[in-house]
Amino acid sequence: MKFHTRKWVKPEDLNANATLFGGRLLEWIDEEAALYTIIQLENQKVVTKYMSEIDFKASAKQGDIVEIGIEVVNFGRASLVLSCEVRNKMTHETIITISNIVMVNLGEDGKAKPHGKTEVEYVADRLK
């Protein structure tokens, strides 16, 4: 799994228990999944269709740095299935895992559109 983004847990990210609010973490994951999909499919029109079981394994507190890892599970006809792990950057303790996040490629009409991709591409390879 490649970890692409780091987030610093700030006071506004905390819940009543003074730990990272799960909703904020899911917001960060959803944004990271969208950005990853946009880059892979070369289309800014993508939406989150589905997230499988969300498994909270540990917590994070103010001042912690968390990193978000995304990995491709499968290329569908008009979708991309990702898995995600978020971990503490300093300790590498896993905070959350999500096995399947389904992102859908959209056309101009807002409907699912085949993307024609079958494998992970890196931007550096496209520039050659």
C-alpha atoms as a PDB file:
ATOM      1  CA  MET A   1       0.000   0.000   0.000  1.00  0.00           C
ATOM      2  CA  LYS A   2       1.284   3.457  -0.890  1.00  0.00           C
ATOM      3  CA  PHE A   3       0.614   6.263   1.544  1.00  0.00           C
ATOM      4  CA  HIS A   4      -0.096   9.448  -0.388  1.00  0.00           C
ATOM      5  CA  THR A   5      -1.410  12.040   2.043  1.00  0.00           C
ATOM      6  CA  ARG A   6      -0.612  13.120   5.577  1.00  0.00           C
ATOM      7  CA  LYS A   7      -2.940  14.988   7.897  1.00  0.00           C
ATOM      8  CA  TRP A   8      -2.115  16.705  11.165  1.00  0.00           C
ATOM      9  CA  VAL A   9      -4.795  16.141  13.809  1.00  0.00           C
ATOM     10  CA  LYS A  10      -5.835  19.582  15.051  1.00  0.00           C
ATOM     11  CA  PRO A  11      -8.280  20.665  17.799  1.00  0.00           C
ATOM     12  CA  GLU A  12     -11.132  21.123  15.303  1.00  0.00           C
ATOM     13  CA  ASP A  13     -10.739  17.454  14.243  1.00  0.00           C
ATOM     14  CA  LEU A  14     -11.503  16.057  17.712  1.00  0.00           C
ATOM     15  CA  ASN A  15     -14.644  14.523  19.186  1.00  0.00           C
ATOM     16  CA  ALA A  16     -15.963  14.826  22.746  1.00  0.00           C
ATOM     17  CA  ASN A  17     -13.417  12.219  23.889  1.00  0.00           C
ATOM     18  CA  ALA A  18     -10.517  14.404  22.638  1.00  0.00           C
ATOM     19  CA  THR A  19      -9.671  11.851  19.925  1.00  0.00           C
ATOM     20  CA  LEU A  20      -9.973  12.108  16.162  1.00  0.00           C
ATOM     21  CA  PHE A  21     -13.635  12.331  15.113  1.00  0.00           C
ATOM     22  CA  GLY A  22     -14.483   9.370  12.871  1.00  0.00           C
ATOM     23  CA  GLY A  23     -16.548  11.544  10.536  1.00  0.00           C
ATOM     24  CA  ARG A  24     -13.567  13.820   9.907  1.00  0.00           C
ATOM     25  CA  LEU A  25     -11.382  10.810   9.139  1.00  0.00           C
ATOM     26  CA  LEU A  26     -13.981   9.450   6.701  1.00  0.00           C
ATOM     27  CA  GLU A  27     -14.111  12.879   5.025  1.00  0.00           C
ATOM     28  CA  TRP A  28     -10.335  12.748   4.520  1.00  0.00           C
ATOM     29  CA  ILE A  29     -10.540   9.187   3.164  1.00  0.00           C
ATOM     30  CA  ASP A  30     -13.345  10.061   0.748  1.00  0.00           C
ATOM     31  CA  GLU A  31     -11.395  13.040  -0.572  1.00  0.00           C
ATOM     32  CA  GLU A  32      -8.227  10.959  -0.973  1.00  0.00           C
ATOM     33  CA  ALA A  33     -10.151   8.208  -2.808  1.00  0.00           C
ATOM     34  CA  ALA A  34     -11.665  10.804  -5.144  1.00  0.00           C
ATOM     35  CA  LEU A  35      -8.293  12.429  -5.874  1.00  0.00           C
ATOM     36  CA  TYR A  36      -6.664   9.061  -6.496  1.00  0.00           C
ATOM     37  CA  THR A  37      -9.484   8.052  -8.855  1.00  0.00           C
ATOM     38  CA  ILE A  38      -9.433  11.370 -10.742  1.00  0.00           C
ATOM     39  CA  ILE A  39      -5.715  10.956 -11.386  1.00  0.00           C
ATOM     40  CA  GLN A  40      -6.009   7.279 -12.384  1.00  0.00           C
ATOM     41  CA  LEU A  41      -9.020   7.710 -14.681  1.00  0.00           C
ATOM     42  CA  GLU A  42      -8.020  11.168 -15.948  1.00  0.00           C
ATOM     43  CA  ASN A  43     -11.523  12.477 -15.325  1.00  0.00           C
ATOM     44  CA  GLN A  44     -12.615  15.004 -12.704  1.00  0.00           C
ATOM     45  CA  LYS A  45     -16.164  13.656 -12.725  1.00  0.00           C
ATOM     46  CA  VAL A  46     -16.118  10.779 -10.255  1.00  0.00           C
ATOM     47  CA  VAL A  47     -18.345   9.902  -7.298  1.00  0.00           C
ATOM     48  CA  THR A  48     -18.182   7.576  -4.342  1.00  0.00           C
ATOM     49  CA  LYS A  49     -20.727   4.795  -4.757  1.00  0.00           C
ATOM     50  CA  TYR A  50     -19.940   2.482  -1.869  1.00  0.00           C
ATOM     51  CA  MET A  51     -17.727   1.937   1.158  1.00  0.00           C
ATOM     52  CA  SER A  52     -17.547  -1.521   2.697  1.00  0.00           C
ATOM     53  CA  GLU A  53     -17.190  -2.232   6.389  1.00  0.00           C
ATOM     54  CA  ILE A  54     -15.208   0.475   8.133  1.00  0.00           C
ATOM     55  CA  ASP A  55     -12.959  -1.059  10.773  1.00  0.00           C
ATOM     56  CA  PHE A  56     -11.703   1.362  13.430  1.00  0.00           C
ATOM     57  CA  LYS A  57      -8.674  -0.292  15.037  1.00  0.00           C
ATOM     58  CA  ALA A  58      -7.112   2.541  17.048  1.00  0.00           C
ATOM     59  CA  SER A  59      -7.516   6.212  17.731  1.00  0.00           C
ATOM     60  CA  ALA A  60      -5.531   9.356  17.066  1.00  0.00           C
ATOM     61  CA  LYS A  61      -5.166  12.392  19.286  1.00  0.00           C
ATOM     62  CA  GLN A  62      -4.380  16.055  18.812  1.00  0.00           C
ATOM     63  CA  GLY A  63      -0.897  16.539  17.391  1.00  0.00           C
ATOM     64  CA  ASP A  64      -0.704  13.105  15.777  1.00  0.00           C
ATOM     65  CA  ILE A  65       0.162  12.899  12.101  1.00  0.00           C
ATOM     66  CA  VAL A  66      -1.874  10.339  10.199  1.00  0.00           C
ATOM     67  CA  GLU A  67      -1.205   9.088   6.700  1.00  0.00           C
ATOM     68  CA  ILE A  68      -3.751   7.762   4.232  1.00  0.00           C
ATOM     69  CA  GLY A  69      -2.896   4.790   2.034  1.00  0.00           C
ATOM     70  CA  ILE A  70      -4.859   3.835  -1.063  1.00  0.00           C
ATOM     71  CA  GLU A  71      -4.481   0.733  -3.210  1.00  0.00           C
ATOM     72  CA  VAL A  72      -6.381  -0.450  -6.276  1.00  0.00           C
ATOM     73  CA  VAL A  73      -8.336  -3.663  -5.730  1.00  0.00           C
ATOM     74  CA  ASN A  74     -10.028  -3.874  -9.131  1.00  0.00           C
ATOM     75  CA  PHE A  75     -10.797  -1.959 -12.314  1.00  0.00           C
ATOM     76  CA  GLY A  76     -14.460  -2.247 -13.245  1.00  0.00           C
ATOM     77  CA  ARG A  77     -16.026  -1.172 -16.532  1.00  0.00           C
ATOM     78  CA  ALA A  78     -16.967   2.285 -15.218  1.00  0.00           C
ATOM     79  CA  SER A  79     -15.587   2.016 -11.700  1.00  0.00           C
ATOM     80  CA  LEU A  80     -12.434   1.696  -9.675  1.00  0.00           C
ATOM     81  CA  VAL A  81     -12.412  -0.331  -6.459  1.00  0.00           C
ATOM     82  CA  LEU A  82      -9.918   0.823  -3.844  1.00  0.00           C
ATOM     83  CA  SER A  83      -8.837  -0.297  -0.391  1.00  0.00           C
ATOM     84  CA  CYS A  84      -7.649   2.088   2.286  1.00  0.00           C
ATOM     85  CA  GLU A  85      -5.566   2.052   5.424  1.00  0.00           C
ATOM     86  CA  VAL A  86      -4.959   5.032   7.668  1.00  0.00           C
ATOM     87  CA  ARG A  87      -2.106   4.799  10.123  1.00  0.00           C
ATOM     88  CA  ASN A  88      -0.189   6.905  12.599  1.00  0.00           C
ATOM     89  CA  LYS A  89       2.837   8.238  10.716  1.00  0.00           C
ATOM     90  CA  MET A  90       5.199   8.011  13.665  1.00  0.00           C
ATOM     91  CA  THR A  91       4.200   4.623  15.150  1.00  0.00           C
ATOM     92  CA  HIS A  92       2.719   2.990  12.007  1.00  0.00           C
ATOM     93  CA  GLU A  93      -0.200   1.803  14.152  1.00  0.00           C
ATOM     94  CA  THR A  94      -3.254   1.200  11.963  1.00  0.00           C
ATOM     95  CA  ILE A  95      -6.133   3.528  12.810  1.00  0.00           C
ATOM     96  CA  ILE A  96      -8.732   2.386  10.273  1.00  0.00           C
ATOM     97  CA  THR A  97      -9.105   0.011   7.334  1.00  0.00           C
ATOM     98  CA  ILE A  98     -11.700  -0.084   4.567  1.00  0.00           C
ATOM     99  CA  SER A  99     -11.551  -3.093   2.239  1.00  0.00           C
ATOM    100  CA  ASN A 100     -13.594  -1.712  -0.658  1.00  0.00           C
ATOM    101  CA  ILE A 101     -14.352   1.807  -1.782  1.00  0.00           C
ATOM    102  CA  VAL A 102     -16.156   1.889  -5.128  1.00  0.00           C
ATOM    103  CA  MET A 103     -15.587   5.046  -7.150  1.00  0.00           C
ATOM    104  CA  VAL A 104     -17.605   5.559 -10.347  1.00  0.00           C
ATOM    105  CA  ASN A 105     -16.440   7.394 -13.462  1.00  0.00           C
ATOM    106  CA  LEU A 106     -19.090   9.780 -14.842  1.00  0.00           C
ATOM    107  CA  GLY A 107     -19.717  11.241 -18.261  1.00  0.00           C
ATOM    108  CA  GLU A 108     -20.915  14.755 -19.041  1.00  0.00           C
ATOM    109  CA  ASP A 109     -24.510  13.572 -18.543  1.00  0.00           C
ATOM    110  CA  GLY A 110     -23.762  12.534 -14.943  1.00  0.00           C
ATOM    111  CA  LYS A 111     -24.210   8.824 -15.686  1.00  0.00           C
ATOM    112  CA  ALA A 112     -21.656   6.034 -15.292  1.00  0.00           C
ATOM    113  CA  LYS A 113     -19.229   6.042 -18.213  1.00  0.00           C
ATOM    114  CA  PRO A 114     -16.742   3.293 -19.150  1.00  0.00           C
ATOM    115  CA  HIS A 115     -13.195   4.471 -18.541  1.00  0.00           C
ATOM    116  CA  GLY A 116     -11.204   1.914 -20.556  1.00  0.00           C
ATOM    117  CA  LYS A 117      -8.465   1.543 -17.906  1.00  0.00           C
ATOM    118  CA  THR A 118      -7.201  -1.860 -16.788  1.00  0.00           C
ATOM    119  CA  GLU A 119      -4.129  -1.173 -14.673  1.00  0.00           C
ATOM    120  CA  VAL A 120      -2.584   1.442 -12.420  1.00  0.00           C
ATOM    121  CA  GLU A 121      -0.818   4.199 -14.329  1.00  0.00           C
ATOM    122  CA  TYR A 122       1.676   6.651 -12.927  1.00  0.00           C
ATOM    123  CA  VAL A 123       1.665  10.285 -14.048  1.00  0.00           C
ATOM    124  CA  ALA A 124       5.412  10.140 -14.727  1.00  0.00           C
ATOM    125  CA  ASP A 125       4.804   7.357 -17.282  1.00  0.00           C
ATOM    126  CA  ARG A 126       2.175   9.460 -19.092  1.00  0.00           C
ATOM    127  CA  LEU A 127       4.637  12.307 -19.572  1.00  0.00           C
ATOM    128  CA  LYS A 128       7.192  10.263 -21.542  1.00  0.00           C
END
